[in-house]
């Protein structure tokens, strides 16, 4: 690998971390707004039983954690290449 490949890997890792955190925060906000809207209803059965399930906020949070993990791995790889280079 060329000497400056570490910079590209670390930049991509940082981008993945930022996107992952943004996606995780977006998922938390979606989940909060969903449950807040349910708690305002007069029929609280849906709220207490969590039915119907809202898969989007959960998938956004999981995708955010996956992106953060990939970003950390890319940062580590870039750091190793930099130190060995």
C-alpha atoms as a PDB file:
ATOM      1  CA  UNK A   1       0.000   0.000   0.000  1.00  0.00           C
ATOM      2  CA  UNK A   2       1.122   3.510  -0.695  1.00  0.00           C
ATOM      3  CA  UNK A   3       2.216   5.752   2.134  1.00  0.00           C
ATOM      4  CA  UNK A   4      -0.912   7.917   2.115  1.00  0.00           C
ATOM      5  CA  UNK A   5      -3.397   5.036   2.084  1.00  0.00           C
ATOM      6  CA  UNK A   6      -3.632   5.350   5.858  1.00  0.00           C
ATOM      7  CA  UNK A   7      -5.050   8.844   5.418  1.00  0.00           C
ATOM      8  CA  UNK A   8      -7.813   7.570   3.135  1.00  0.00           C
ATOM      9  CA  UNK A   9      -8.692   4.721   5.505  1.00  0.00           C
ATOM     10  CA  UNK A  10      -8.765   7.009   8.520  1.00  0.00           C
ATOM     11  CA  UNK A  11     -10.871   9.578   6.668  1.00  0.00           C
ATOM     12  CA  UNK A  12     -13.370   6.933   5.628  1.00  0.00           C
ATOM     13  CA  UNK A  13     -13.386   5.561   9.173  1.00  0.00           C
ATOM     14  CA  UNK A  14     -14.150   9.000  10.576  1.00  0.00           C
ATOM     15  CA  UNK A  15     -16.933   9.441   8.037  1.00  0.00           C
ATOM     16  CA  UNK A  16     -18.455   6.081   8.996  1.00  0.00           C
ATOM     17  CA  UNK A  17     -18.319   7.027  12.674  1.00  0.00           C
ATOM     18  CA  UNK A  18     -20.047  10.360  12.038  1.00  0.00           C
ATOM     19  CA  UNK A  19     -22.720   8.768   9.852  1.00  0.00           C
ATOM     20  CA  UNK A  20     -23.222   5.972  12.378  1.00  0.00           C
ATOM     21  CA  UNK A  21     -23.684   8.376  15.269  1.00  0.00           C
ATOM     22  CA  UNK A  22     -26.066  10.522  13.228  1.00  0.00           C
ATOM     23  CA  UNK A  23     -28.103   7.453  12.281  1.00  0.00           C
ATOM     24  CA  UNK A  24     -28.191   6.250  15.890  1.00  0.00           C
ATOM     25  CA  UNK A  25     -29.398   9.653  17.106  1.00  0.00           C
ATOM     26  CA  UNK A  26     -31.994   9.742  14.327  1.00  0.00           C
ATOM     27  CA  UNK A  27     -33.266   6.325  15.398  1.00  0.00           C
ATOM     28  CA  UNK A  28     -33.516   7.414  19.043  1.00  0.00           C
ATOM     29  CA  UNK A  29     -35.525  10.493  18.036  1.00  0.00           C
ATOM     30  CA  UNK A  30     -37.852   8.457  15.807  1.00  0.00           C
ATOM     31  CA  UNK A  31     -38.431   5.948  18.600  1.00  0.00           C
ATOM     32  CA  UNK A  32     -39.138   8.698  21.130  1.00  0.00           C
ATOM     33  CA  UNK A  33     -41.580  10.489  18.836  1.00  0.00           C
ATOM     34  CA  UNK A  34     -43.331   7.200  18.043  1.00  0.00           C
ATOM     35  CA  UNK A  35     -43.857   6.303  21.696  1.00  0.00           C
ATOM     36  CA  UNK A  36     -44.786   9.881  22.592  1.00  0.00           C
ATOM     37  CA  UNK A  37     -47.515   9.802  19.955  1.00  0.00           C
ATOM     38  CA  UNK A  38     -48.792   6.496  21.316  1.00  0.00           C
ATOM     39  CA  UNK A  39     -48.860   7.745  24.895  1.00  0.00           C
ATOM     40  CA  UNK A  40     -51.052  10.674  23.859  1.00  0.00           C
ATOM     41  CA  UNK A  41     -53.794   8.313  22.654  1.00  0.00           C
ATOM     42  CA  UNK A  42     -56.708   7.436  24.863  1.00  0.00           C
ATOM     43  CA  UNK A  43     -56.244   3.706  24.197  1.00  0.00           C
ATOM     44  CA  UNK A  44     -52.958   2.872  25.881  1.00  0.00           C
ATOM     45  CA  UNK A  45     -53.061  -0.825  25.018  1.00  0.00           C
ATOM     46  CA  UNK A  46     -50.787  -0.283  22.017  1.00  0.00           C
ATOM     47  CA  UNK A  47     -48.394   1.720  24.154  1.00  0.00           C
ATOM     48  CA  UNK A  48     -48.202  -0.809  26.977  1.00  0.00           C
ATOM     49  CA  UNK A  49     -47.878  -3.868  24.743  1.00  0.00           C
ATOM     50  CA  UNK A  50     -45.617  -2.131  22.188  1.00  0.00           C
ATOM     51  CA  UNK A  51     -47.880  -3.264  19.367  1.00  0.00           C
ATOM     52  CA  UNK A  52     -47.687  -2.616  16.523  1.00  0.00           C
ATOM     53  CA  UNK A  53     -43.915  -2.814  16.507  1.00  0.00           C
ATOM     54  CA  UNK A  54     -42.082   0.035  14.811  1.00  0.00           C
ATOM     55  CA  UNK A  55     -39.063  -1.632  13.139  1.00  0.00           C
ATOM     56  CA  UNK A  56     -37.624   1.534  11.624  1.00  0.00           C
ATOM     57  CA  UNK A  57     -36.208   3.148  14.798  1.00  0.00           C
ATOM     58  CA  UNK A  58     -34.641  -0.112  15.937  1.00  0.00           C
ATOM     59  CA  UNK A  59     -33.072  -0.762  12.547  1.00  0.00           C
ATOM     60  CA  UNK A  60     -31.711   2.783  12.431  1.00  0.00           C
ATOM     61  CA  UNK A  61     -30.043   2.306  15.808  1.00  0.00           C
ATOM     62  CA  UNK A  62     -28.568  -1.076  14.836  1.00  0.00           C
ATOM     63  CA  UNK A  63     -27.317   0.335  11.542  1.00  0.00           C
ATOM     64  CA  UNK A  64     -25.731   3.208  13.428  1.00  0.00           C
ATOM     65  CA  UNK A  65     -23.844   0.842  15.733  1.00  0.00           C
ATOM     66  CA  UNK A  66     -22.667  -1.223  12.755  1.00  0.00           C
ATOM     67  CA  UNK A  67     -21.407   1.901  10.984  1.00  0.00           C
ATOM     68  CA  UNK A  68     -19.570   3.026  14.134  1.00  0.00           C
ATOM     69  CA  UNK A  69     -17.931  -0.408  14.453  1.00  0.00           C
ATOM     70  CA  UNK A  70     -16.811  -0.340  10.814  1.00  0.00           C
ATOM     71  CA  UNK A  71     -15.494   3.186  11.290  1.00  0.00           C
ATOM     72  CA  UNK A  72     -13.478   2.182  14.347  1.00  0.00           C
ATOM     73  CA  UNK A  73     -12.017  -0.782  12.470  1.00  0.00           C
ATOM     74  CA  UNK A  74     -11.039   1.465   9.566  1.00  0.00           C
ATOM     75  CA  UNK A  75      -9.440   3.968  11.941  1.00  0.00           C
ATOM     76  CA  UNK A  76      -7.473   1.173  13.587  1.00  0.00           C
ATOM     77  CA  UNK A  77      -6.337  -0.172  10.205  1.00  0.00           C
ATOM     78  CA  UNK A  78      -5.260   3.303   9.132  1.00  0.00           C
ATOM     79  CA  UNK A  79      -3.352   3.782  12.379  1.00  0.00           C
ATOM     80  CA  UNK A  80      -1.558   0.453  11.946  1.00  0.00           C
ATOM     81  CA  UNK A  81      -0.586   1.299   8.365  1.00  0.00           C
ATOM     82  CA  UNK A  82       0.622   4.726   9.506  1.00  0.00           C
ATOM     83  CA  UNK A  83       2.755   3.274  12.307  1.00  0.00           C
ATOM     84  CA  UNK A  84       4.230   0.520  10.126  1.00  0.00           C
ATOM     85  CA  UNK A  85       4.680   2.739   7.059  1.00  0.00           C
END
